Structures are given as C-alpha cells and as structure tokens.
Amino acid sequence: MGAASLVGRLATGWMLDRFQPVRVSVVMVTIAAAGPFVLAAAHSLEMGIVAAVCLGFGSGGETDIIPYLLSRYFGLRSLSTLYGLNWTAWGVAGAVGPILMGRAFDTTGSYGVALILLGVVTLAAAGLTSTLPAIPRTQPAGTAIVA
C-alpha cells in the first residue's frame, strides 16, 4: 500500500500538469473506491494485494490533489483553514473507521457489507467531485474560483 501510495502521488503530479484537475481527482477517487470492492470479494492473497494497490494508489494521489484543488477553488487566504479541516476529517476517519469496521465484523461475521458500503460511499464522492467546475488553465495560483 505504501509503495502504491508513492506511485499514486507521483502519477497525480504528472497528471495535474497535463489534464483537468477535477478529472484527475475523479480518477484517483474511483481507483481508491475499487479497493474495498476488490477486498470484499477477495479470496486470495493476490486479490488482497490488488485491493491494497488500489487503495494506496488512489488515496495517495487524492491526498496530494486536495491542497491543489482547495487553493484553486478557495484561494490561498482560506487554504490553511480548509487544509486543516481536511486533515482533521482524515484523522477522525482514521480513528473511527477501524472501530466501525470491527463493529461490522462483530455484527455480521464478515467485513464484506462494510467494505461494499465503503466502496459505494467513495464512488459517491467521486460522482460529487465530477460536478465541480473546471479550473481554468490560465488561473494564477491562489486566485479563488468560489467566493
């Protein structure tokens, strides 16, 4: 997962220089969403590795694209606050997620339902991301699109 995250981060930087940032974000979130679906259906080590690569690659890339999008949509004036809120949300999710997954396993005897739900929610996030307005290629860094 760690190696896939590093590759995802590098690939995201390369893609941001060449493609519309919103599309890059949607692709990365969709790849991350594939991870829980693959893991829910995994019955072998190889499939578990594929799931880990999807999760690492997609979330690694998305971690890097978030500050880029925040700075373009809201400007540099709000970046620190919004980025701090974003990392707070990631931290809360990192603390609460394992507890919820454990509860799901205790309740159902499997992680399958929780993983499918996680995949669906992540796909919904990709869908919502796709509705963001395009970022003009000529927009100077720090200039807000949204007031």
N, C-alpha and C. Protein backbone atom coordinates (compact mmCIF):
# COMPACT_ATOMS: atom_id res chain seq x y z
N MET A 1 0.82 -1.19 0.00
CA MET A 1 0.00 0.00 0.00
C MET A 1 0.87 1.26 0.00
N GLY A 2 1.95 1.21 0.78
CA GLY A 2 2.84 2.36 0.86
C GLY A 2 3.50 2.67 -0.48
N ALA A 3 4.00 1.63 -1.14
CA ALA A 3 4.63 1.84 -2.45
C ALA A 3 3.62 2.34 -3.47
N ALA A 4 2.41 1.78 -3.44
CA ALA A 4 1.35 2.22 -4.36
C ALA A 4 0.98 3.67 -4.08
N SER A 5 0.98 4.06 -2.83
CA SER A 5 0.68 5.45 -2.47
C SER A 5 1.73 6.39 -3.05
N LEU A 6 2.99 6.02 -2.94
CA LEU A 6 4.07 6.84 -3.50
C LEU A 6 3.91 6.97 -5.02
N VAL A 7 3.63 5.88 -5.69
CA VAL A 7 3.44 5.92 -7.14
C VAL A 7 2.21 6.76 -7.48
N GLY A 8 1.14 6.62 -6.71
CA GLY A 8 -0.06 7.42 -6.93
C GLY A 8 0.21 8.90 -6.79
N ARG A 9 1.02 9.27 -5.82
CA ARG A 9 1.35 10.68 -5.62
C ARG A 9 2.16 11.22 -6.80
N LEU A 10 3.13 10.46 -7.25
CA LEU A 10 3.94 10.90 -8.39
C LEU A 10 3.09 10.97 -9.66
N ALA A 11 2.23 9.98 -9.87
CA ALA A 11 1.37 9.97 -11.05
C ALA A 11 0.40 11.14 -11.01
N THR A 12 -0.11 11.48 -9.83
CA THR A 12 -1.03 12.60 -9.71
C THR A 12 -0.35 13.90 -10.11
N GLY A 13 0.85 14.13 -9.63
CA GLY A 13 1.58 15.34 -10.01
C GLY A 13 1.78 15.41 -11.51
N TRP A 14 2.15 14.30 -12.12
CA TRP A 14 2.35 14.27 -13.57
C TRP A 14 1.03 14.57 -14.29
N MET A 15 -0.06 13.95 -13.82
CA MET A 15 -1.36 14.16 -14.48
C MET A 15 -1.88 15.59 -14.29
N LEU A 16 -1.64 16.18 -13.12
CA LEU A 16 -2.11 17.56 -12.88
C LEU A 16 -1.47 18.55 -13.86
N ASP A 17 -0.27 18.23 -14.30
CA ASP A 17 0.40 19.10 -15.28
C ASP A 17 -0.16 18.93 -16.68
N ARG A 18 -0.95 17.90 -16.91
CA ARG A 18 -1.39 17.59 -18.27
C ARG A 18 -2.90 17.54 -18.47
N PHE A 19 -3.65 17.30 -17.40
CA PHE A 19 -5.09 17.08 -17.52
C PHE A 19 -5.87 17.98 -16.57
N GLN A 20 -7.16 18.10 -16.81
CA GLN A 20 -8.04 18.88 -15.96
C GLN A 20 -8.02 18.30 -14.54
N PRO A 21 -7.70 19.11 -13.54
CA PRO A 21 -7.55 18.61 -12.17
C PRO A 21 -8.77 17.88 -11.62
N VAL A 22 -9.96 18.33 -11.94
CA VAL A 22 -11.16 17.65 -11.44
C VAL A 22 -11.22 16.23 -11.99
N ARG A 23 -10.88 16.06 -13.24
CA ARG A 23 -10.90 14.71 -13.84
C ARG A 23 -9.85 13.82 -13.18
N VAL A 24 -8.68 14.38 -12.90
CA VAL A 24 -7.64 13.62 -12.22
C VAL A 24 -8.15 13.16 -10.85
N SER A 25 -8.79 14.06 -10.14
CA SER A 25 -9.33 13.72 -8.82
C SER A 25 -10.38 12.62 -8.91
N VAL A 26 -11.27 12.72 -9.87
CA VAL A 26 -12.32 11.70 -10.04
C VAL A 26 -11.68 10.34 -10.33
N VAL A 27 -10.67 10.32 -11.17
CA VAL A 27 -10.00 9.05 -11.49
C VAL A 27 -9.36 8.46 -10.23
N MET A 28 -8.67 9.30 -9.45
CA MET A 28 -7.99 8.80 -8.26
C MET A 28 -8.99 8.29 -7.22
N VAL A 29 -10.08 8.99 -7.01
CA VAL A 29 -11.09 8.55 -6.04
C VAL A 29 -11.76 7.26 -6.54
N THR A 30 -11.98 7.15 -7.83
CA THR A 30 -12.59 5.94 -8.38
C THR A 30 -11.66 4.73 -8.20
N ILE A 31 -10.36 4.95 -8.41
CA ILE A 31 -9.40 3.86 -8.19
C ILE A 31 -9.40 3.46 -6.72
N ALA A 32 -9.43 4.45 -5.83
CA ALA A 32 -9.48 4.15 -4.39
C ALA A 32 -10.77 3.39 -4.06
N ALA A 33 -11.87 3.73 -4.69
CA ALA A 33 -13.16 3.06 -4.45
C ALA A 33 -13.12 1.61 -4.89
N ALA A 34 -12.32 1.30 -5.89
CA ALA A 34 -12.23 -0.09 -6.35
C ALA A 34 -11.63 -0.99 -5.28
N GLY A 35 -10.78 -0.43 -4.44
CA GLY A 35 -10.12 -1.22 -3.40
C GLY A 35 -11.06 -1.97 -2.48
N PRO A 36 -12.02 -1.29 -1.84
CA PRO A 36 -12.93 -2.03 -0.97
C PRO A 36 -13.78 -3.08 -1.69
N PHE A 37 -14.18 -2.78 -2.94
CA PHE A 37 -14.96 -3.76 -3.70
C PHE A 37 -14.13 -5.02 -3.97
N VAL A 38 -12.88 -4.82 -4.38
CA VAL A 38 -11.99 -5.97 -4.64
C VAL A 38 -11.74 -6.73 -3.34
N LEU A 39 -11.48 -6.00 -2.26
CA LEU A 39 -11.21 -6.65 -0.98
C LEU A 39 -12.42 -7.44 -0.48
N ALA A 40 -13.62 -6.91 -0.69
CA ALA A 40 -14.83 -7.60 -0.26
C ALA A 40 -14.98 -8.94 -0.98
N ALA A 41 -14.50 -9.02 -2.20
CA ALA A 41 -14.63 -10.24 -2.99
C ALA A 41 -13.36 -11.09 -2.98
N ALA A 42 -12.32 -10.64 -2.30
CA ALA A 42 -11.02 -11.32 -2.34
C ALA A 42 -11.06 -12.66 -1.61
N HIS A 43 -10.50 -13.66 -2.27
CA HIS A 43 -10.37 -14.98 -1.66
C HIS A 43 -8.95 -15.50 -1.80
N SER A 44 -8.03 -14.57 -2.10
CA SER A 44 -6.63 -14.96 -2.25
C SER A 44 -5.73 -13.79 -1.88
N LEU A 45 -4.50 -14.11 -1.61
CA LEU A 45 -3.51 -13.09 -1.30
C LEU A 45 -3.35 -12.12 -2.46
N GLU A 46 -3.36 -12.64 -3.67
CA GLU A 46 -3.19 -11.79 -4.85
C GLU A 46 -4.29 -10.74 -4.96
N MET A 47 -5.52 -11.15 -4.69
CA MET A 47 -6.63 -10.19 -4.76
C MET A 47 -6.52 -9.17 -3.61
N GLY A 48 -6.05 -9.60 -2.47
CA GLY A 48 -5.81 -8.67 -1.37
C GLY A 48 -4.76 -7.64 -1.74
N ILE A 49 -3.73 -8.08 -2.45
CA ILE A 49 -2.68 -7.16 -2.89
C ILE A 49 -3.24 -6.18 -3.92
N VAL A 50 -4.07 -6.65 -4.84
CA VAL A 50 -4.70 -5.76 -5.82
C VAL A 50 -5.53 -4.70 -5.10
N ALA A 51 -6.29 -5.12 -4.09
CA ALA A 51 -7.11 -4.17 -3.32
C ALA A 51 -6.22 -3.14 -2.62
N ALA A 52 -5.13 -3.59 -2.02
CA ALA A 52 -4.22 -2.69 -1.33
C ALA A 52 -3.58 -1.70 -2.30
N VAL A 53 -3.24 -2.16 -3.50
CA VAL A 53 -2.66 -1.27 -4.51
C VAL A 53 -3.69 -0.21 -4.92
N CYS A 54 -4.92 -0.62 -5.14
CA CYS A 54 -5.98 0.35 -5.50
C CYS A 54 -6.15 1.39 -4.39
N LEU A 55 -6.26 0.93 -3.17
CA LEU A 55 -6.43 1.85 -2.04
C LEU A 55 -5.23 2.78 -1.89
N GLY A 56 -4.03 2.23 -1.95
CA GLY A 56 -2.83 3.05 -1.80
C GLY A 56 -2.64 4.04 -2.92
N PHE A 57 -2.77 3.58 -4.15
CA PHE A 57 -2.58 4.45 -5.32
C PHE A 57 -3.61 5.58 -5.32
N GLY A 58 -4.88 5.21 -5.16
CA GLY A 58 -5.95 6.21 -5.22
C GLY A 58 -5.91 7.20 -4.07
N SER A 59 -5.76 6.69 -2.85
CA SER A 59 -5.74 7.62 -1.71
C SER A 59 -4.46 8.42 -1.65
N GLY A 60 -3.35 7.85 -2.08
CA GLY A 60 -2.09 8.62 -2.14
C GLY A 60 -2.21 9.79 -3.10
N GLY A 61 -2.76 9.52 -4.27
CA GLY A 61 -2.94 10.60 -5.24
C GLY A 61 -3.94 11.63 -4.78
N GLU A 62 -5.02 11.17 -4.16
CA GLU A 62 -6.05 12.10 -3.70
C GLU A 62 -5.53 12.98 -2.56
N THR A 63 -4.69 12.41 -1.72
CA THR A 63 -4.09 13.19 -0.63
C THR A 63 -3.30 14.37 -1.19
N ASP A 64 -2.65 14.17 -2.31
CA ASP A 64 -1.86 15.25 -2.91
C ASP A 64 -2.70 16.24 -3.71
N ILE A 65 -3.81 15.80 -4.27
CA ILE A 65 -4.60 16.70 -5.10
C ILE A 65 -5.49 17.63 -4.26
N ILE A 66 -5.80 17.23 -3.04
CA ILE A 66 -6.69 18.04 -2.20
C ILE A 66 -6.18 19.46 -1.99
N PRO A 67 -4.93 19.67 -1.56
CA PRO A 67 -4.48 21.06 -1.38
C PRO A 67 -4.46 21.84 -2.70
N TYR A 68 -4.18 21.15 -3.79
CA TYR A 68 -4.20 21.80 -5.09
C TYR A 68 -5.60 22.34 -5.40
N LEU A 69 -6.60 21.47 -5.22
CA LEU A 69 -7.98 21.89 -5.50
C LEU A 69 -8.45 22.95 -4.52
N LEU A 70 -8.12 22.81 -3.25
CA LEU A 70 -8.53 23.81 -2.27
C LEU A 70 -7.95 25.18 -2.61
N SER A 71 -6.69 25.22 -3.01
CA SER A 71 -6.07 26.51 -3.33
C SER A 71 -6.68 27.14 -4.58
N ARG A 72 -7.10 26.31 -5.53
CA ARG A 72 -7.68 26.84 -6.76
C ARG A 72 -9.14 27.27 -6.57
N TYR A 73 -9.90 26.53 -5.78
CA TYR A 73 -11.31 26.86 -5.60
C TYR A 73 -11.54 27.95 -4.55
N PHE A 74 -10.69 28.02 -3.54
CA PHE A 74 -10.94 28.95 -2.44
C PHE A 74 -9.83 29.98 -2.24
N GLY A 75 -8.75 29.88 -2.99
CA GLY A 75 -7.65 30.84 -2.87
C GLY A 75 -6.74 30.52 -1.70
N LEU A 76 -5.62 31.22 -1.66
CA LEU A 76 -4.63 30.96 -0.62
C LEU A 76 -5.06 31.49 0.74
N ARG A 77 -5.94 32.47 0.75
CA ARG A 77 -6.39 33.06 2.01
C ARG A 77 -7.07 32.02 2.91
N SER A 78 -7.78 31.08 2.33
CA SER A 78 -8.52 30.07 3.10
C SER A 78 -7.81 28.72 3.14
N LEU A 79 -6.70 28.58 2.46
CA LEU A 79 -6.07 27.26 2.30
C LEU A 79 -5.70 26.62 3.63
N SER A 80 -5.07 27.34 4.52
CA SER A 80 -4.63 26.74 5.79
C SER A 80 -5.80 26.22 6.60
N THR A 81 -6.85 26.99 6.71
CA THR A 81 -8.02 26.57 7.48
C THR A 81 -8.67 25.35 6.84
N LEU A 82 -8.89 25.39 5.54
CA LEU A 82 -9.55 24.28 4.86
C LEU A 82 -8.70 23.02 4.86
N TYR A 83 -7.40 23.19 4.69
CA TYR A 83 -6.50 22.04 4.70
C TYR A 83 -6.45 21.42 6.10
N GLY A 84 -6.46 22.27 7.12
CA GLY A 84 -6.51 21.78 8.49
C GLY A 84 -7.79 21.02 8.77
N LEU A 85 -8.91 21.54 8.29
CA LEU A 85 -10.19 20.83 8.46
C LEU A 85 -10.17 19.49 7.72
N ASN A 86 -9.56 19.49 6.54
CA ASN A 86 -9.47 18.26 5.76
C ASN A 86 -8.68 17.20 6.53
N TRP A 87 -7.53 17.59 7.06
CA TRP A 87 -6.72 16.61 7.78
C TRP A 87 -7.38 16.20 9.09
N THR A 88 -8.15 17.08 9.69
CA THR A 88 -8.92 16.70 10.88
C THR A 88 -9.93 15.62 10.52
N ALA A 89 -10.61 15.80 9.40
CA ALA A 89 -11.58 14.79 8.95
C ALA A 89 -10.88 13.46 8.67
N TRP A 90 -9.70 13.49 8.04
CA TRP A 90 -8.95 12.26 7.77
C TRP A 90 -8.56 11.60 9.10
N GLY A 91 -8.15 12.41 10.07
CA GLY A 91 -7.77 11.86 11.36
C GLY A 91 -8.93 11.22 12.09
N VAL A 92 -10.07 11.88 12.09
CA VAL A 92 -11.27 11.32 12.72
C VAL A 92 -11.67 10.03 12.02
N ALA A 93 -11.65 10.04 10.70
CA ALA A 93 -11.99 8.83 9.96
C ALA A 93 -11.01 7.70 10.26
N GLY A 94 -9.73 8.04 10.41
CA GLY A 94 -8.73 7.03 10.73
C GLY A 94 -8.92 6.44 12.12
N ALA A 95 -9.49 7.22 13.03
CA ALA A 95 -9.74 6.74 14.38
C ALA A 95 -11.06 5.98 14.47
N VAL A 96 -12.09 6.47 13.81
CA VAL A 96 -13.43 5.89 13.91
C VAL A 96 -13.59 4.70 12.95
N GLY A 97 -12.95 4.76 11.79
CA GLY A 97 -13.10 3.71 10.78
C GLY A 97 -12.82 2.30 11.28
N PRO A 98 -11.67 2.07 11.93
CA PRO A 98 -11.40 0.72 12.43
C PRO A 98 -12.42 0.24 13.46
N ILE A 99 -12.91 1.16 14.27
CA ILE A 99 -13.93 0.79 15.26
C ILE A 99 -15.21 0.35 14.55
N LEU A 100 -15.63 1.13 13.55
CA LEU A 100 -16.84 0.77 12.80
C LEU A 100 -16.66 -0.53 12.03
N MET A 101 -15.48 -0.74 11.46
CA MET A 101 -15.23 -1.99 10.75
C MET A 101 -15.27 -3.17 11.72
N GLY A 102 -14.72 -2.99 12.91
CA GLY A 102 -14.76 -4.04 13.93
C GLY A 102 -16.19 -4.35 14.35
N ARG A 103 -16.98 -3.30 14.54
CA ARG A 103 -18.39 -3.49 14.90
C ARG A 103 -19.14 -4.23 13.79
N ALA A 104 -18.84 -3.85 12.54
CA ALA A 104 -19.49 -4.51 11.41
C ALA A 104 -19.15 -6.00 11.39
N PHE A 105 -17.89 -6.30 11.66
CA PHE A 105 -17.49 -7.71 11.69
C PHE A 105 -18.17 -8.44 12.84
N ASP A 106 -18.21 -7.82 14.01
CA ASP A 106 -18.86 -8.45 15.17
C ASP A 106 -20.34 -8.69 14.92
N THR A 107 -20.97 -7.78 14.18
CA THR A 107 -22.41 -7.88 13.92
C THR A 107 -22.72 -8.91 12.84
N THR A 108 -21.93 -8.90 11.76
CA THR A 108 -22.25 -9.74 10.60
C THR A 108 -21.35 -10.96 10.44
N GLY A 109 -20.21 -10.98 11.13
CA GLY A 109 -19.27 -12.07 10.96
C GLY A 109 -18.41 -11.94 9.73
N SER A 110 -18.47 -10.77 9.10
CA SER A 110 -17.73 -10.53 7.87
C SER A 110 -17.48 -9.04 7.70
N TYR A 111 -16.44 -8.71 6.96
CA TYR A 111 -16.19 -7.31 6.61
C TYR A 111 -16.88 -6.93 5.30
N GLY A 112 -17.45 -7.91 4.61
CA GLY A 112 -17.99 -7.71 3.26
C GLY A 112 -18.98 -6.57 3.13
N VAL A 113 -19.99 -6.53 3.98
CA VAL A 113 -21.02 -5.49 3.88
C VAL A 113 -20.42 -4.12 4.11
N ALA A 114 -19.55 -4.00 5.13
CA ALA A 114 -18.93 -2.71 5.43
C ALA A 114 -18.03 -2.27 4.28
N LEU A 115 -17.30 -3.19 3.68
CA LEU A 115 -16.42 -2.84 2.56
C LEU A 115 -17.24 -2.38 1.35
N ILE A 116 -18.33 -3.06 1.07
CA ILE A 116 -19.19 -2.65 -0.05
C ILE A 116 -19.74 -1.26 0.21
N LEU A 117 -20.20 -1.02 1.43
CA LEU A 117 -20.72 0.31 1.79
C LEU A 117 -19.63 1.37 1.63
N LEU A 118 -18.43 1.07 2.09
CA LEU A 118 -17.31 1.99 1.94
C LEU A 118 -17.03 2.29 0.46
N GLY A 119 -17.05 1.26 -0.36
CA GLY A 119 -16.86 1.45 -1.80
C GLY A 119 -17.93 2.31 -2.42
N VAL A 120 -19.19 2.09 -2.03
CA VAL A 120 -20.31 2.88 -2.56
C VAL A 120 -20.17 4.34 -2.16
N VAL A 121 -19.85 4.59 -0.90
CA VAL A 121 -19.69 5.97 -0.42
C VAL A 121 -18.53 6.66 -1.15
N THR A 122 -17.46 5.92 -1.38
CA THR A 122 -16.31 6.50 -2.09
C THR A 122 -16.66 6.80 -3.54
N LEU A 123 -17.42 5.91 -4.17
CA LEU A 123 -17.88 6.19 -5.54
C LEU A 123 -18.80 7.41 -5.57
N ALA A 124 -19.64 7.56 -4.56
CA ALA A 124 -20.50 8.74 -4.47
C ALA A 124 -19.64 10.01 -4.37
N ALA A 125 -18.55 9.93 -3.62
CA ALA A 125 -17.63 11.08 -3.52
C ALA A 125 -17.03 11.40 -4.88
N ALA A 126 -16.68 10.38 -5.64
CA ALA A 126 -16.15 10.60 -7.00
C ALA A 126 -17.21 11.27 -7.87
N GLY A 127 -18.45 10.82 -7.74
CA GLY A 127 -19.53 11.42 -8.51
C GLY A 127 -19.73 12.88 -8.15
N LEU A 128 -19.71 13.20 -6.86
CA LEU A 128 -19.85 14.59 -6.43
C LEU A 128 -18.68 15.44 -6.91
N THR A 129 -17.48 14.86 -6.86
CA THR A 129 -16.30 15.58 -7.34
C THR A 129 -16.42 15.93 -8.81
N SER A 130 -17.04 15.04 -9.58
CA SER A 130 -17.18 15.28 -11.02
C SER A 130 -18.08 16.48 -11.33
N THR A 131 -18.85 16.95 -10.34
CA THR A 131 -19.73 18.10 -10.57
C THR A 131 -19.03 19.44 -10.32
N LEU A 132 -17.79 19.41 -9.85
CA LEU A 132 -17.06 20.66 -9.63
C LEU A 132 -16.79 21.37 -10.95
N PRO A 133 -16.81 22.69 -10.94
CA PRO A 133 -16.50 23.41 -12.18
C PRO A 133 -15.03 23.23 -12.56
N ALA A 134 -14.78 23.29 -13.85
CA ALA A 134 -13.41 23.15 -14.34
C ALA A 134 -12.55 24.32 -13.87
N ILE A 135 -11.29 24.04 -13.64
CA ILE A 135 -10.34 25.08 -13.25
C ILE A 135 -9.68 25.60 -14.52
N PRO A 136 -9.79 26.90 -14.77
CA PRO A 136 -9.17 27.45 -15.98
C PRO A 136 -7.66 27.23 -15.96
N ARG A 137 -7.10 26.88 -17.10
CA ARG A 137 -5.65 26.65 -17.21
C ARG A 137 -4.85 27.93 -16.97
N THR A 138 -5.46 29.07 -17.19
CA THR A 138 -4.74 30.34 -17.05
C THR A 138 -4.91 30.96 -15.67
N GLN A 139 -5.61 30.27 -14.76
CA GLN A 139 -5.86 30.83 -13.44
C GLN A 139 -4.56 30.86 -12.63
N PRO A 140 -4.18 32.04 -12.12
CA PRO A 140 -2.99 32.12 -11.28
C PRO A 140 -3.22 31.39 -9.95
N ALA A 141 -2.17 30.79 -9.42
CA ALA A 141 -2.28 30.10 -8.12
C ALA A 141 -2.74 31.09 -7.06
N GLY A 142 -3.63 30.65 -6.20
CA GLY A 142 -4.11 31.49 -5.12
C GLY A 142 -5.33 32.32 -5.45
N THR A 143 -5.74 32.33 -6.71
CA THR A 143 -6.94 33.06 -7.11
C THR A 143 -8.13 32.13 -6.93
N ALA A 144 -9.10 32.54 -6.16
CA ALA A 144 -10.25 31.70 -5.85
C ALA A 144 -11.24 31.64 -6.99
N ILE A 145 -11.82 30.44 -7.21
CA ILE A 145 -12.92 30.27 -8.15
C ILE A 145 -14.23 30.49 -7.41
N VAL A 146 -14.30 30.02 -6.18
CA VAL A 146 -15.50 30.11 -5.35
C VAL A 146 -15.24 31.15 -4.28
N ALA A 147 -16.19 32.05 -4.07
CA ALA A 147 -16.02 33.05 -3.03
C ALA A 147 -16.53 32.55 -1.71
